[in-house]
Amino acid sequence: MEQRKHWWNGKWGRAARRDVYLRTNGDAWHVEQRAGGADGVSHFYEYDSEEDAYDRVRALLVGPFDWRELSARRPE
């Protein structure tokens, strides 16, 4: 699986941190929404197209946070 993008809400600490990841694996696109840092709780979404995955990402990034893109393409 290859990570394409990563967004962070700019908050530190388990209670406040939120992350959104965009990954691809072959023809499948995966979005992970994580609350609480590395040991937090994640929700996963799978899509057949990059466009549909980006639609989910845009929906997840709406809200009161100052989202920051931390992206660097890296294999997992």
PDB file of N, CA and C in Angstrom:
ATOM      1  N   MET A   1       0.847  -1.175   0.000  1.00  0.00           N
ATOM      2  CA  MET A   1       0.000   0.000   0.000  1.00  0.00           C
ATOM      3  C   MET A   1       0.890   1.234   0.000  1.00  0.00           C
ATOM      4  N   GLU A   2       0.514   2.218  -0.769  1.00  0.00           N
ATOM      5  CA  GLU A   2       1.292   3.452  -0.887  1.00  0.00           C
ATOM      6  C   GLU A   2       0.506   4.626  -0.320  1.00  0.00           C
ATOM      7  N   GLN A   3       1.113   5.334   0.620  1.00  0.00           N
ATOM      8  CA  GLN A   3       0.473   6.525   1.173  1.00  0.00           C
ATOM      9  C   GLN A   3       0.689   7.689   0.219  1.00  0.00           C
ATOM     10  N   ARG A   4      -0.394   8.336  -0.159  1.00  0.00           N
ATOM     11  CA  ARG A   4      -0.322   9.465  -1.089  1.00  0.00           C
ATOM     12  C   ARG A   4      -0.384  10.808  -0.381  1.00  0.00           C
ATOM     13  N   LYS A   5      -1.253  10.926   0.623  1.00  0.00           N
ATOM     14  CA  LYS A   5      -1.436  12.205   1.320  1.00  0.00           C
ATOM     15  C   LYS A   5      -1.715  11.945   2.793  1.00  0.00           C
ATOM     16  N   HIS A   6      -1.405  12.956   3.604  1.00  0.00           N
ATOM     17  CA  HIS A   6      -1.675  12.904   5.040  1.00  0.00           C
ATOM     18  C   HIS A   6      -2.013  14.310   5.498  1.00  0.00           C
ATOM     19  N   TRP A   7      -3.125  14.451   6.195  1.00  0.00           N
ATOM     20  CA  TRP A   7      -3.532  15.734   6.769  1.00  0.00           C
ATOM     21  C   TRP A   7      -3.644  15.573   8.274  1.00  0.00           C
ATOM     22  N   TRP A   8      -3.304  16.634   9.001  1.00  0.00           N
ATOM     23  CA  TRP A   8      -3.326  16.650  10.461  1.00  0.00           C
ATOM     24  C   TRP A   8      -4.042  17.919  10.891  1.00  0.00           C
ATOM     25  N   ASN A   9      -4.807  17.839  11.972  1.00  0.00           N
ATOM     26  CA  ASN A   9      -5.583  18.996  12.419  1.00  0.00           C
ATOM     27  C   ASN A   9      -4.774  20.008  13.228  1.00  0.00           C
ATOM     28  N   GLY A  10      -3.485  19.776  13.413  1.00  0.00           N
ATOM     29  CA  GLY A  10      -2.639  20.743  14.101  1.00  0.00           C
ATOM     30  C   GLY A  10      -2.727  20.702  15.612  1.00  0.00           C
ATOM     31  N   LYS A  11      -3.418  19.711  16.159  1.00  0.00           N
ATOM     32  CA  LYS A  11      -3.586  19.595  17.616  1.00  0.00           C
ATOM     33  C   LYS A  11      -2.725  18.461  18.152  1.00  0.00           C
ATOM     34  N   TRP A  12      -2.132  18.674  19.306  1.00  0.00           N
ATOM     35  CA  TRP A  12      -1.337  17.653  19.973  1.00  0.00           C
ATOM     36  C   TRP A  12      -2.173  17.017  21.063  1.00  0.00           C
ATOM     37  N   GLY A  13      -1.849  15.813  21.405  1.00  0.00           N
ATOM     38  CA  GLY A  13      -2.523  15.129  22.503  1.00  0.00           C
ATOM     39  C   GLY A  13      -3.582  14.160  22.019  1.00  0.00           C
ATOM     40  N   ARG A  14      -3.701  13.100  22.753  1.00  0.00           N
ATOM     41  CA  ARG A  14      -4.603  12.011  22.383  1.00  0.00           C
ATOM     42  C   ARG A  14      -6.051  12.472  22.220  1.00  0.00           C
ATOM     43  N   ALA A  15      -6.515  13.354  23.048  1.00  0.00           N
ATOM     44  CA  ALA A  15      -7.921  13.768  22.998  1.00  0.00           C
ATOM     45  C   ALA A  15      -8.226  14.697  21.825  1.00  0.00           C
ATOM     46  N   ALA A  16      -7.231  15.411  21.324  1.00  0.00           N
ATOM     47  CA  ALA A  16      -7.494  16.442  20.322  1.00  0.00           C
ATOM     48  C   ALA A  16      -7.001  16.112  18.916  1.00  0.00           C
ATOM     49  N   ARG A  17      -6.019  15.251  18.791  1.00  0.00           N
ATOM     50  CA  ARG A  17      -5.396  15.008  17.488  1.00  0.00           C
ATOM     51  C   ARG A  17      -6.328  14.250  16.547  1.00  0.00           C
ATOM     52  N   ARG A  18      -6.326  14.690  15.279  1.00  0.00           N
ATOM     53  CA  ARG A  18      -7.063  14.028  14.198  1.00  0.00           C
ATOM     54  C   ARG A  18      -6.153  13.945  12.979  1.00  0.00           C
ATOM     55  N   ASP A  19      -6.215  12.829  12.264  1.00  0.00           N
ATOM     56  CA  ASP A  19      -5.446  12.626  11.047  1.00  0.00           C
ATOM     57  C   ASP A  19      -6.349  12.027   9.979  1.00  0.00           C
ATOM     58  N   VAL A  20      -6.057  12.372   8.726  1.00  0.00           N
ATOM     59  CA  VAL A  20      -6.723  11.777   7.574  1.00  0.00           C
ATOM     60  C   VAL A  20      -5.627  11.351   6.608  1.00  0.00           C
ATOM     61  N   TYR A  21      -5.707  10.107   6.145  1.00  0.00           N
ATOM     62  CA  TYR A  21      -4.713   9.549   5.233  1.00  0.00           C
ATOM     63  C   TYR A  21      -5.392   9.115   3.938  1.00  0.00           C
ATOM     64  N   LEU A  22      -4.720   9.326   2.827  1.00  0.00           N
ATOM     65  CA  LEU A  22      -5.149   8.826   1.530  1.00  0.00           C
ATOM     66  C   LEU A  22      -4.084   7.851   1.045  1.00  0.00           C
ATOM     67  N   ARG A  23      -4.516   6.618   0.766  1.00  0.00           N
ATOM     68  CA  ARG A  23      -3.589   5.580   0.320  1.00  0.00           C
ATOM     69  C   ARG A  23      -4.156   4.881  -0.912  1.00  0.00           C
ATOM     70  N   THR A  24      -3.263   4.247  -1.653  1.00  0.00           N
ATOM     71  CA  THR A  24      -3.688   3.467  -2.810  1.00  0.00           C
ATOM     72  C   THR A  24      -2.996   2.111  -2.796  1.00  0.00           C
ATOM     73  N   ASN A  25      -3.694   1.137  -3.340  1.00  0.00           N
ATOM     74  CA  ASN A  25      -3.173  -0.220  -3.446  1.00  0.00           C
ATOM     75  C   ASN A  25      -3.735  -0.808  -4.734  1.00  0.00           C
ATOM     76  N   GLY A  26      -2.930  -0.806  -5.773  1.00  0.00           N
ATOM     77  CA  GLY A  26      -3.436  -1.241  -7.071  1.00  0.00           C
ATOM     78  C   GLY A  26      -4.499  -0.275  -7.576  1.00  0.00           C
ATOM     79  N   ASP A  27      -5.685  -0.789  -7.860  1.00  0.00           N
ATOM     80  CA  ASP A  27      -6.787   0.050  -8.332  1.00  0.00           C
ATOM     81  C   ASP A  27      -7.686   0.545  -7.215  1.00  0.00           C
ATOM     82  N   ALA A  28      -7.415   0.145  -5.983  1.00  0.00           N
ATOM     83  CA  ALA A  28      -8.257   0.543  -4.851  1.00  0.00           C
ATOM     84  C   ALA A  28      -7.672   1.773  -4.156  1.00  0.00           C
ATOM     85  N   TRP A  29      -8.565   2.624  -3.691  1.00  0.00           N
ATOM     86  CA  TRP A  29      -8.189   3.829  -2.945  1.00  0.00           C
ATOM     87  C   TRP A  29      -8.749   3.719  -1.543  1.00  0.00           C
ATOM     88  N   HIS A  30      -7.925   4.077  -0.551  1.00  0.00           N
ATOM     89  CA  HIS A  30      -8.304   3.925   0.849  1.00  0.00           C
ATOM     90  C   HIS A  30      -8.163   5.266   1.568  1.00  0.00           C
ATOM     91  N   VAL A  31      -9.149   5.577   2.392  1.00  0.00           N
ATOM     92  CA  VAL A  31      -9.116   6.765   3.235  1.00  0.00           C
ATOM     93  C   VAL A  31      -9.215   6.284   4.679  1.00  0.00           C
ATOM     94  N   GLU A  32      -8.311   6.782   5.517  1.00  0.00           N
ATOM     95  CA  GLU A  32      -8.358   6.481   6.943  1.00  0.00           C
ATOM     96  C   GLU A  32      -8.588   7.776   7.701  1.00  0.00           C
ATOM     97  N   GLN A  33      -9.567   7.759   8.572  1.00  0.00           N
ATOM     98  CA  GLN A  33      -9.854   8.875   9.473  1.00  0.00           C
ATOM     99  C   GLN A  33      -9.482   8.388  10.873  1.00  0.00           C
ATOM    100  N   ARG A  34      -8.493   9.041  11.502  1.00  0.00           N
ATOM    101  CA  ARG A  34      -8.013   8.590  12.809  1.00  0.00           C
ATOM    102  C   ARG A  34      -8.177   9.690  13.846  1.00  0.00           C
ATOM    103  N   ALA A  35      -8.671   9.311  15.001  1.00  0.00           N
ATOM    104  CA  ALA A  35      -8.784  10.225  16.143  1.00  0.00           C
ATOM    105  C   ALA A  35      -7.926   9.689  17.271  1.00  0.00           C
ATOM    106  N   GLY A  36      -7.076  10.531  17.846  1.00  0.00           N
ATOM    107  CA  GLY A  36      -6.322  10.142  19.021  1.00  0.00           C
ATOM    108  C   GLY A  36      -4.885   9.727  18.790  1.00  0.00           C
ATOM    109  N   GLY A  37      -4.311  10.060  17.661  1.00  0.00           N
ATOM    110  CA  GLY A  37      -2.902   9.749  17.426  1.00  0.00           C
ATOM    111  C   GLY A  37      -2.684   8.303  17.027  1.00  0.00           C
ATOM    112  N   ALA A  38      -1.439   7.862  17.124  1.00  0.00           N
ATOM    113  CA  ALA A  38      -1.048   6.540  16.637  1.00  0.00           C
ATOM    114  C   ALA A  38      -1.832   5.406  17.295  1.00  0.00           C
ATOM    115  N   ASP A  39      -2.206   5.561  18.535  1.00  0.00           N
ATOM    116  CA  ASP A  39      -2.949   4.524  19.250  1.00  0.00           C
ATOM    117  C   ASP A  39      -4.447   4.795  19.274  1.00  0.00           C
ATOM    118  N   GLY A  40      -4.882   5.724  18.439  1.00  0.00           N
ATOM    119  CA  GLY A  40      -6.282   6.123  18.441  1.00  0.00           C
ATOM    120  C   GLY A  40      -7.194   5.171  17.691  1.00  0.00           C
ATOM    121  N   VAL A  41      -8.404   5.639  17.467  1.00  0.00           N
ATOM    122  CA  VAL A  41      -9.438   4.869  16.790  1.00  0.00           C
ATOM    123  C   VAL A  41      -9.533   5.334  15.343  1.00  0.00           C
ATOM    124  N   SER A  42      -9.584   4.366  14.418  1.00  0.00           N
ATOM    125  CA  SER A  42      -9.640   4.692  12.996  1.00  0.00           C
ATOM    126  C   SER A  42     -10.930   4.192  12.368  1.00  0.00           C
ATOM    127  N   HIS A  43     -11.380   4.933  11.364  1.00  0.00           N
ATOM    128  CA  HIS A  43     -12.460   4.507  10.481  1.00  0.00           C
ATOM    129  C   HIS A  43     -11.854   4.435   9.083  1.00  0.00           C
ATOM    130  N   PHE A  44     -12.203   3.384   8.345  1.00  0.00           N
ATOM    131  CA  PHE A  44     -11.624   3.144   7.034  1.00  0.00           C
ATOM    132  C   PHE A  44     -12.706   3.172   5.961  1.00  0.00           C
ATOM    133  N   TYR A  45     -12.354   3.720   4.816  1.00  0.00           N
ATOM    134  CA  TYR A  45     -13.248   3.797   3.665  1.00  0.00           C
ATOM    135  C   TYR A  45     -12.463   3.319   2.442  1.00  0.00           C
ATOM    136  N   GLU A  46     -13.114   2.549   1.576  1.00  0.00           N
ATOM    137  CA  GLU A  46     -12.460   2.056   0.368  1.00  0.00           C
ATOM    138  C   GLU A  46     -13.261   2.486  -0.856  1.00  0.00           C
ATOM    139  N   TYR A  47     -12.532   2.904  -1.899  1.00  0.00           N
ATOM    140  CA  TYR A  47     -13.161   3.420  -3.121  1.00  0.00           C
ATOM    141  C   TYR A  47     -12.489   2.828  -4.350  1.00  0.00           C
ATOM    142  N   ASP A  48     -13.246   2.798  -5.436  1.00  0.00           N
ATOM    143  CA  ASP A  48     -12.732   2.297  -6.706  1.00  0.00           C
ATOM    144  C   ASP A  48     -12.035   3.366  -7.524  1.00  0.00           C
ATOM    145  N   SER A  49     -12.237   4.650  -7.156  1.00  0.00           N
ATOM    146  CA  SER A  49     -11.625   5.726  -7.941  1.00  0.00           C
ATOM    147  C   SER A  49     -10.977   6.758  -7.020  1.00  0.00           C
ATOM    148  N   GLU A  50      -9.953   7.394  -7.547  1.00  0.00           N
ATOM    149  CA  GLU A  50      -9.272   8.461  -6.821  1.00  0.00           C
ATOM    150  C   GLU A  50     -10.233   9.612  -6.542  1.00  0.00           C
ATOM    151  N   GLU A  51     -11.069   9.937  -7.507  1.00  0.00           N
ATOM    152  CA  GLU A  51     -12.016  11.046  -7.349  1.00  0.00           C
ATOM    153  C   GLU A  51     -12.972  10.795  -6.179  1.00  0.00           C
ATOM    154  N   ASP A  52     -13.499   9.578  -6.074  1.00  0.00           N
ATOM    155  CA  ASP A  52     -14.403   9.264  -4.964  1.00  0.00           C
ATOM    156  C   ASP A  52     -13.677   9.338  -3.619  1.00  0.00           C
ATOM    157  N   ALA A  53     -12.436   8.872  -3.582  1.00  0.00           N
ATOM    158  CA  ALA A  53     -11.653   8.938  -2.346  1.00  0.00           C
ATOM    159  C   ALA A  53     -11.409  10.389  -1.941  1.00  0.00           C
ATOM    160  N   TYR A  54     -11.068  11.242  -2.927  1.00  0.00           N
ATOM    161  CA  TYR A  54     -10.858  12.660  -2.617  1.00  0.00           C
ATOM    162  C   TYR A  54     -12.151  13.335  -2.164  1.00  0.00           C
ATOM    163  N   ASP A  55     -13.289  12.906  -2.685  1.00  0.00           N
ATOM    164  CA  ASP A  55     -14.569  13.447  -2.211  1.00  0.00           C
ATOM    165  C   ASP A  55     -14.729  13.176  -0.717  1.00  0.00           C
ATOM    166  N   ARG A  56     -14.385  11.969  -0.271  1.00  0.00           N
ATOM    167  CA  ARG A  56     -14.467  11.630   1.155  1.00  0.00           C
ATOM    168  C   ARG A  56     -13.487  12.463   1.960  1.00  0.00           C
ATOM    169  N   VAL A  57     -12.255  12.601   1.463  1.00  0.00           N
ATOM    170  CA  VAL A  57     -11.250  13.405   2.164  1.00  0.00           C
ATOM    171  C   VAL A  57     -11.753  14.831   2.342  1.00  0.00           C
ATOM    172  N   ARG A  58     -12.272  15.439   1.273  1.00  0.00           N
ATOM    173  CA  ARG A  58     -12.775  16.813   1.373  1.00  0.00           C
ATOM    174  C   ARG A  58     -13.884  16.923   2.415  1.00  0.00           C
ATOM    175  N   ALA A  59     -14.749  15.934   2.469  1.00  0.00           N
ATOM    176  CA  ALA A  59     -15.825  15.942   3.460  1.00  0.00           C
ATOM    177  C   ALA A  59     -15.272  15.834   4.880  1.00  0.00           C
ATOM    178  N   LEU A  60     -14.239  15.034   5.061  1.00  0.00           N
ATOM    179  CA  LEU A  60     -13.651  14.862   6.391  1.00  0.00           C
ATOM    180  C   LEU A  60     -12.880  16.093   6.859  1.00  0.00           C
ATOM    181  N   LEU A  61     -12.364  16.870   5.925  1.00  0.00           N
ATOM    182  CA  LEU A  61     -11.564  18.036   6.300  1.00  0.00           C
ATOM    183  C   LEU A  61     -12.403  19.280   6.572  1.00  0.00           C
ATOM    184  N   VAL A  62     -13.710  19.174   6.442  1.00  0.00           N
ATOM    185  CA  VAL A  62     -14.600  20.291   6.761  1.00  0.00           C
ATOM    186  C   VAL A  62     -14.736  20.357   8.278  1.00  0.00           C
ATOM    187  N   GLY A  63     -14.688  21.543   8.819  1.00  0.00           N
ATOM    188  CA  GLY A  63     -14.868  21.661  10.255  1.00  0.00           C
ATOM    189  C   GLY A  63     -14.019  22.752  10.857  1.00  0.00           C
ATOM    190  N   PRO A  64     -13.967  22.733  12.172  1.00  0.00           N
ATOM    191  CA  PRO A  64     -13.330  23.845  12.884  1.00  0.00           C
ATOM    192  C   PRO A  64     -11.811  23.791  12.948  1.00  0.00           C
ATOM    193  N   PHE A  65     -11.199  22.736  12.436  1.00  0.00           N
ATOM    194  CA  PHE A  65      -9.753  22.583  12.587  1.00  0.00           C
ATOM    195  C   PHE A  65      -8.989  23.313  11.490  1.00  0.00           C
ATOM    196  N   ASP A  66      -7.748  23.642  11.807  1.00  0.00           N
ATOM    197  CA  ASP A  66      -6.814  24.223  10.839  1.00  0.00           C
ATOM    198  C   ASP A  66      -5.986  23.077  10.255  1.00  0.00           C
ATOM    199  N   TRP A  67      -6.555  22.370   9.273  1.00  0.00           N
ATOM    200  CA  TRP A  67      -5.916  21.192   8.711  1.00  0.00           C
ATOM    201  C   TRP A  67      -4.629  21.557   7.982  1.00  0.00           C
ATOM    202  N   ARG A  68      -3.602  20.725   8.159  1.00  0.00           N
ATOM    203  CA  ARG A  68      -2.299  20.913   7.514  1.00  0.00           C
ATOM    204  C   ARG A  68      -1.954  19.649   6.735  1.00  0.00           C
ATOM    205  N   GLU A  69      -1.493  19.823   5.524  1.00  0.00           N
ATOM    206  CA  GLU A  69      -1.049  18.670   4.761  1.00  0.00           C
ATOM    207  C   GLU A  69       0.391  18.353   5.126  1.00  0.00           C
ATOM    208  N   LEU A  70       0.630  17.126   5.520  1.00  0.00           N
ATOM    209  CA  LEU A  70       1.962  16.671   5.906  1.00  0.00           C
ATOM    210  C   LEU A  70       2.539  15.729   4.869  1.00  0.00           C
ATOM    211  N   SER A  71       1.964  15.704   3.714  1.00  0.00           N
ATOM    212  CA  SER A  71       2.213  14.652   2.734  1.00  0.00           C
ATOM    213  C   SER A  71       3.629  14.611   2.192  1.00  0.00           C
ATOM    214  N   ALA A  72       4.073  13.423   2.115  1.00  0.00           N
ATOM    215  CA  ALA A  72       5.262  13.057   1.360  1.00  0.00           C
ATOM    216  C   ALA A  72       4.987  11.640   0.911  1.00  0.00           C
ATOM    217  N   ARG A  73       5.108  11.371  -0.345  1.00  0.00           N
ATOM    218  CA  ARG A  73       4.808  10.024  -0.830  1.00  0.00           C
ATOM    219  C   ARG A  73       5.813   9.053  -0.247  1.00  0.00           C
ATOM    220  N   ARG A  74       5.295   8.021   0.383  1.00  0.00           N
ATOM    221  CA  ARG A  74       6.172   7.005   0.943  1.00  0.00           C
ATOM    222  C   ARG A  74       5.451   5.652   0.912  1.00  0.00           C
ATOM    223  N   PRO A  75       6.143   4.606   0.576  1.00  0.00           N
ATOM    224  CA  PRO A  75       5.529   3.277   0.597  1.00  0.00           C
ATOM    225  C   PRO A  75       5.348   2.794   2.020  1.00  0.00           C
ATOM    226  N   GLU A  76       4.354   1.950   2.229  1.00  0.00           N
ATOM    227  CA  GLU A  76       4.133   1.361   3.561  1.00  0.00           C
ATOM    228  C   GLU A  76       4.372  -0.106   3.538  1.00  0.00           C
TER     229      GLU A  76
END
